[in-house]
Amino acid sequence: MSFIPRLAALTLVPASAILLGASSGAAAMSTTQAKKLVASAITATKSSTTLTLIGYGKSEGKPVAFNLNVSPKYAYGILSYGDVSTNLRRVGTNIYAKGTKGFLEQEGESASVASQAAGKWFQIKSSDTSDYEGIDQYLTASGILVGLLPSKVTGAITAVKKTTVGGQPAEAISGTFSGEKGVLYVATHGKPYLLKVVQDSSKTDGGSITLSNFGKSFRISTPSPLING
């Protein structure tokens, strides 16, 4: 499985676990301790309702990237797939998007309409039953994390190594999680949040994701002007 959302414009497939690869180094803790730390990290990370997620990689041979900031009241960020991208914003329960010409064309707009609407904000109505439905899964912490995080350790821990992620002390724990091999970087100061997960470079659809700004609040406003808004 890959954490990278397979974006055909906004025909979004739910994200799944990114848990792959292995790192070397002398064990910093026992296997039992490492498994307990992973379990604590999964629980702590899933409990956070405000955070930033930045990821990149490939999906079906095309580059994919996302940079998302989510909280209970607000969310914003960008998703890209190949040369197609869209900016997203949520204010309360209202969701807005601003796409490239290519993105709009892939959503079914004519070339002329896509040219006029490219780079302009529009609201995705809650009643929309097109490919836009389900976009809210990328604009809430629970919607994103349910697919990104493993549920448990299901195999052996193969390596544990002390390191840092963004200047924060962490343990890089390699093993099998929810049936996938991977490396989880767990914070060792404060709550044991998952700070990073790196996909095996040998995978065709390899990639990386970092998580940060746990619990840090922010505010954004409704975009303006809006097409037909």
Protein backbone atom coordinates (compact mmCIF):
# COMPACT_ATOMS: atom_id res chain seq x y z
CA MET A 1 0.00 0.00 0.00
CA SER A 2 1.10 3.58 -0.52
CA PHE A 3 0.31 6.68 1.48
CA ILE A 4 0.36 8.75 -1.69
CA PRO A 5 -3.18 9.67 -2.77
CA ARG A 6 -3.68 8.62 -6.38
CA LEU A 7 -4.98 11.94 -7.63
CA ALA A 8 -6.75 11.97 -10.95
CA ALA A 9 -7.45 15.66 -10.48
CA LEU A 10 -9.74 15.45 -7.47
CA THR A 11 -10.88 11.91 -8.07
CA LEU A 12 -9.28 11.06 -4.77
CA VAL A 13 -8.59 7.58 -3.52
CA PRO A 14 -8.40 7.37 0.30
CA ALA A 15 -4.84 7.48 1.60
CA SER A 16 -3.41 4.31 3.09
CA ALA A 17 -0.41 3.42 5.25
CA ILE A 18 3.08 4.64 4.35
CA LEU A 19 5.28 2.18 6.14
CA LEU A 20 8.19 0.94 4.25
CA GLY A 21 11.93 0.43 4.17
CA ALA A 22 14.45 -0.22 6.91
CA SER A 23 17.36 1.58 8.57
CA SER A 24 20.45 0.19 10.16
CA GLY A 25 22.15 0.95 13.44
CA ALA A 26 22.62 -0.48 16.91
CA ALA A 27 19.40 -0.97 18.81
CA ALA A 28 18.74 1.87 21.25
CA MET A 29 16.03 -0.10 23.05
CA SER A 30 14.62 -3.57 23.26
CA THR A 31 12.10 -4.91 20.75
CA THR A 32 9.41 -4.86 23.43
CA GLN A 33 10.17 -1.23 24.28
CA ALA A 34 10.16 -0.28 20.59
CA LYS A 35 6.76 -1.90 20.05
CA LYS A 36 5.37 -0.06 23.07
CA LEU A 37 6.78 3.24 21.77
CA VAL A 38 5.18 2.68 18.35
CA ALA A 39 1.83 1.92 19.99
CA SER A 40 2.09 5.10 22.07
CA ALA A 41 3.07 7.11 18.97
CA ILE A 42 0.07 5.88 17.00
CA THR A 43 -2.28 6.75 19.87
CA ALA A 44 -0.73 10.18 20.47
CA THR A 45 -0.68 11.14 16.80
CA LYS A 46 -4.27 10.04 16.18
CA SER A 47 -5.36 12.14 19.16
CA SER A 48 -4.04 15.35 17.60
CA THR A 49 -6.70 17.41 15.81
CA THR A 50 -4.33 20.15 14.62
CA LEU A 51 -1.17 19.44 12.63
CA THR A 52 0.81 19.93 9.41
CA LEU A 53 1.50 17.12 6.94
CA ILE A 54 4.02 17.42 4.10
CA GLY A 55 4.58 14.52 1.74
CA TYR A 56 5.99 13.67 -1.65
CA GLY A 57 6.61 10.65 -3.80
CA LYS A 58 5.28 8.94 -6.90
CA SER A 59 2.00 7.30 -7.77
CA GLU A 60 1.65 5.27 -10.96
CA GLY A 61 4.91 6.83 -12.17
CA LYS A 62 3.82 10.43 -11.64
CA PRO A 63 5.17 12.79 -8.95
CA VAL A 64 2.75 13.49 -6.13
CA ALA A 65 3.04 16.06 -3.36
CA PHE A 66 0.90 17.56 -0.65
CA ASN A 67 1.28 20.22 2.03
CA LEU A 68 -1.71 20.37 4.35
CA ASN A 69 -2.49 22.23 7.56
CA VAL A 70 -5.58 21.04 9.42
CA SER A 71 -7.48 21.92 12.58
CA PRO A 72 -11.05 21.42 13.82
CA LYS A 73 -12.22 24.80 12.45
CA TYR A 74 -9.85 25.48 9.57
CA ALA A 75 -7.70 23.76 6.97
CA TYR A 76 -5.64 24.77 3.95
CA GLY A 77 -3.00 23.39 1.63
CA ILE A 78 -2.17 22.09 -1.81
CA LEU A 79 -2.36 18.72 -3.54
CA SER A 80 -0.53 17.98 -6.79
CA TYR A 81 -0.35 15.03 -9.14
CA GLY A 82 1.95 15.25 -12.13
CA ASP A 83 1.52 18.76 -13.51
CA VAL A 84 -1.99 19.10 -12.07
CA SER A 85 -2.54 20.80 -8.73
CA THR A 86 -5.23 22.40 -6.62
CA ASN A 87 -5.26 24.64 -3.57
CA LEU A 88 -7.79 23.73 -0.90
CA ARG A 89 -9.29 25.61 2.00
CA ARG A 90 -11.88 24.80 4.66
CA VAL A 91 -13.49 27.42 6.87
CA GLY A 92 -15.89 25.73 9.27
CA THR A 93 -17.74 23.24 7.08
CA ASN A 94 -17.34 25.23 3.84
CA ILE A 95 -14.77 23.88 1.38
CA TYR A 96 -13.08 25.89 -1.38
CA ALA A 97 -10.72 24.98 -4.23
CA LYS A 98 -8.51 26.81 -6.73
CA GLY A 99 -7.09 24.68 -9.51
CA THR A 100 -4.78 24.89 -12.49
CA LYS A 101 -6.15 24.82 -16.04
CA GLY A 102 -5.11 21.18 -16.36
CA PHE A 103 -6.87 20.29 -13.15
CA LEU A 104 -10.11 21.92 -14.26
CA GLU A 105 -9.96 20.21 -17.64
CA GLN A 106 -9.51 16.85 -15.94
CA GLU A 107 -12.62 17.68 -13.92
CA GLY A 108 -14.56 17.96 -17.18
CA GLU A 109 -14.43 21.67 -17.96
CA SER A 110 -13.86 22.82 -21.53
CA ALA A 111 -10.52 24.37 -22.42
CA SER A 112 -12.08 27.85 -22.64
CA VAL A 113 -13.88 27.59 -19.29
CA ALA A 114 -10.78 26.11 -17.65
CA SER A 115 -8.67 29.00 -18.95
CA GLN A 116 -11.06 31.55 -17.48
CA ALA A 117 -11.47 29.78 -14.15
CA ALA A 118 -7.86 28.70 -13.59
CA GLY A 119 -6.32 30.26 -10.52
CA LYS A 120 -9.67 31.42 -9.14
CA TRP A 121 -11.43 30.23 -6.02
CA PHE A 122 -14.79 28.45 -6.07
CA GLN A 123 -16.82 26.73 -3.38
CA ILE A 124 -17.45 22.99 -3.42
CA LYS A 125 -21.07 22.66 -2.41
CA SER A 126 -21.94 20.10 0.25
CA SER A 127 -24.54 18.68 -2.15
CA ASP A 128 -21.92 18.07 -4.87
CA THR A 129 -22.00 14.41 -5.93
CA SER A 130 -19.20 14.71 -8.50
CA ASP A 131 -15.55 13.77 -8.06
CA TYR A 132 -15.28 16.53 -5.45
CA GLU A 133 -17.20 14.59 -2.84
CA GLY A 134 -14.87 13.09 -0.29
CA ILE A 135 -12.34 15.93 -0.56
CA ASP A 136 -13.07 16.68 3.09
CA GLN A 137 -11.04 13.59 4.02
CA TYR A 138 -7.93 15.68 3.27
CA LEU A 139 -9.10 18.64 5.35
CA THR A 140 -9.50 17.07 8.79
CA ALA A 141 -6.89 15.39 10.95
CA SER A 142 -8.98 12.26 11.45
CA GLY A 143 -9.74 11.98 7.74
CA ILE A 144 -6.06 12.06 6.84
CA LEU A 145 -4.60 10.06 9.70
CA VAL A 146 -6.98 7.14 9.46
CA GLY A 147 -5.28 6.19 6.21
CA LEU A 148 -1.73 7.30 6.96
CA LEU A 149 -1.14 5.53 10.24
CA PRO A 150 -0.77 1.82 10.89
CA SER A 151 -2.99 0.25 13.50
CA LYS A 152 -0.28 -1.86 15.14
CA VAL A 153 3.04 -3.65 14.87
CA THR A 154 2.33 -6.94 13.11
CA GLY A 155 5.86 -8.29 12.62
CA ALA A 156 9.42 -7.97 13.83
CA ILE A 157 11.21 -4.77 14.74
CA THR A 158 14.38 -4.93 12.63
CA ALA A 159 16.27 -1.83 13.78
CA VAL A 160 16.09 1.08 16.22
CA LYS A 161 18.31 4.12 15.81
CA LYS A 162 18.53 7.46 17.61
CA THR A 163 18.23 10.44 15.27
CA THR A 164 16.56 13.85 14.91
CA VAL A 165 13.71 15.13 12.74
CA GLY A 166 13.54 18.88 12.26
CA GLY A 167 15.86 19.28 15.23
CA GLN A 168 13.68 17.12 17.48
CA PRO A 169 15.21 14.01 19.08
CA ALA A 170 13.59 10.84 17.76
CA GLU A 171 13.85 7.08 17.49
CA ALA A 172 13.84 5.66 13.96
CA ILE A 173 12.05 2.33 14.33
CA SER A 174 12.11 -0.11 11.42
CA GLY A 175 9.83 -3.11 11.23
CA THR A 176 6.50 -4.39 9.96
CA PHE A 177 3.42 -2.36 10.78
CA SER A 178 -0.10 -3.31 9.70
CA GLY A 179 1.43 -5.74 7.24
CA GLU A 180 3.86 -3.29 5.63
CA LYS A 181 7.61 -2.89 6.22
CA GLY A 182 8.59 0.62 7.18
CA VAL A 183 10.43 3.17 9.28
CA LEU A 184 8.61 5.28 11.84
CA TYR A 185 10.34 8.29 13.41
CA VAL A 186 8.94 8.83 16.91
CA ALA A 187 9.55 11.93 19.05
CA THR A 188 11.35 11.15 22.31
CA HIS A 189 10.74 14.52 24.02
CA GLY A 190 7.20 15.46 25.03
CA LYS A 191 4.39 13.40 23.58
CA PRO A 192 5.62 10.52 21.39
CA TYR A 193 4.21 11.89 18.15
CA LEU A 194 5.10 10.33 14.81
CA LEU A 195 7.37 12.91 13.16
CA LYS A 196 8.20 11.18 9.90
CA VAL A 197 7.60 8.04 7.86
CA VAL A 198 9.82 7.23 4.90
CA GLN A 199 8.92 4.82 2.14
CA ASP A 200 11.49 2.33 0.86
CA SER A 201 13.53 3.87 -1.96
CA SER A 202 13.36 0.55 -3.80
CA LYS A 203 9.61 1.00 -4.21
CA THR A 204 8.42 2.38 -7.54
CA ASP A 205 5.94 4.60 -5.74
CA GLY A 206 8.33 5.61 -2.96
CA GLY A 207 7.99 8.75 -0.90
CA SER A 208 8.17 10.46 2.45
CA ILE A 209 5.86 12.25 4.84
CA THR A 210 6.61 14.51 7.80
CA LEU A 211 4.20 15.58 10.53
CA SER A 212 4.58 18.70 12.67
CA ASN A 213 2.85 21.61 14.42
CA PHE A 214 0.84 19.31 16.65
CA GLY A 215 -1.77 21.31 18.56
CA LYS A 216 -0.70 24.69 17.12
CA SER A 217 -3.81 26.72 16.32
CA PHE A 218 -4.23 28.96 13.28
CA ARG A 219 -6.95 30.97 11.52
CA ILE A 220 -7.74 31.52 7.85
CA SER A 221 -10.51 33.43 6.13
CA THR A 222 -12.95 32.64 3.35
CA PRO A 223 -11.14 33.20 0.01
CA SER A 224 -12.20 36.19 -2.04
CA PRO A 225 -13.31 36.76 -4.69
CA LEU A 226 -15.23 33.57 -5.39
CA ILE A 227 -16.49 32.41 -8.77
CA ASN A 228 -20.28 32.54 -8.57
CA GLY A 229 -19.78 33.33 -4.90
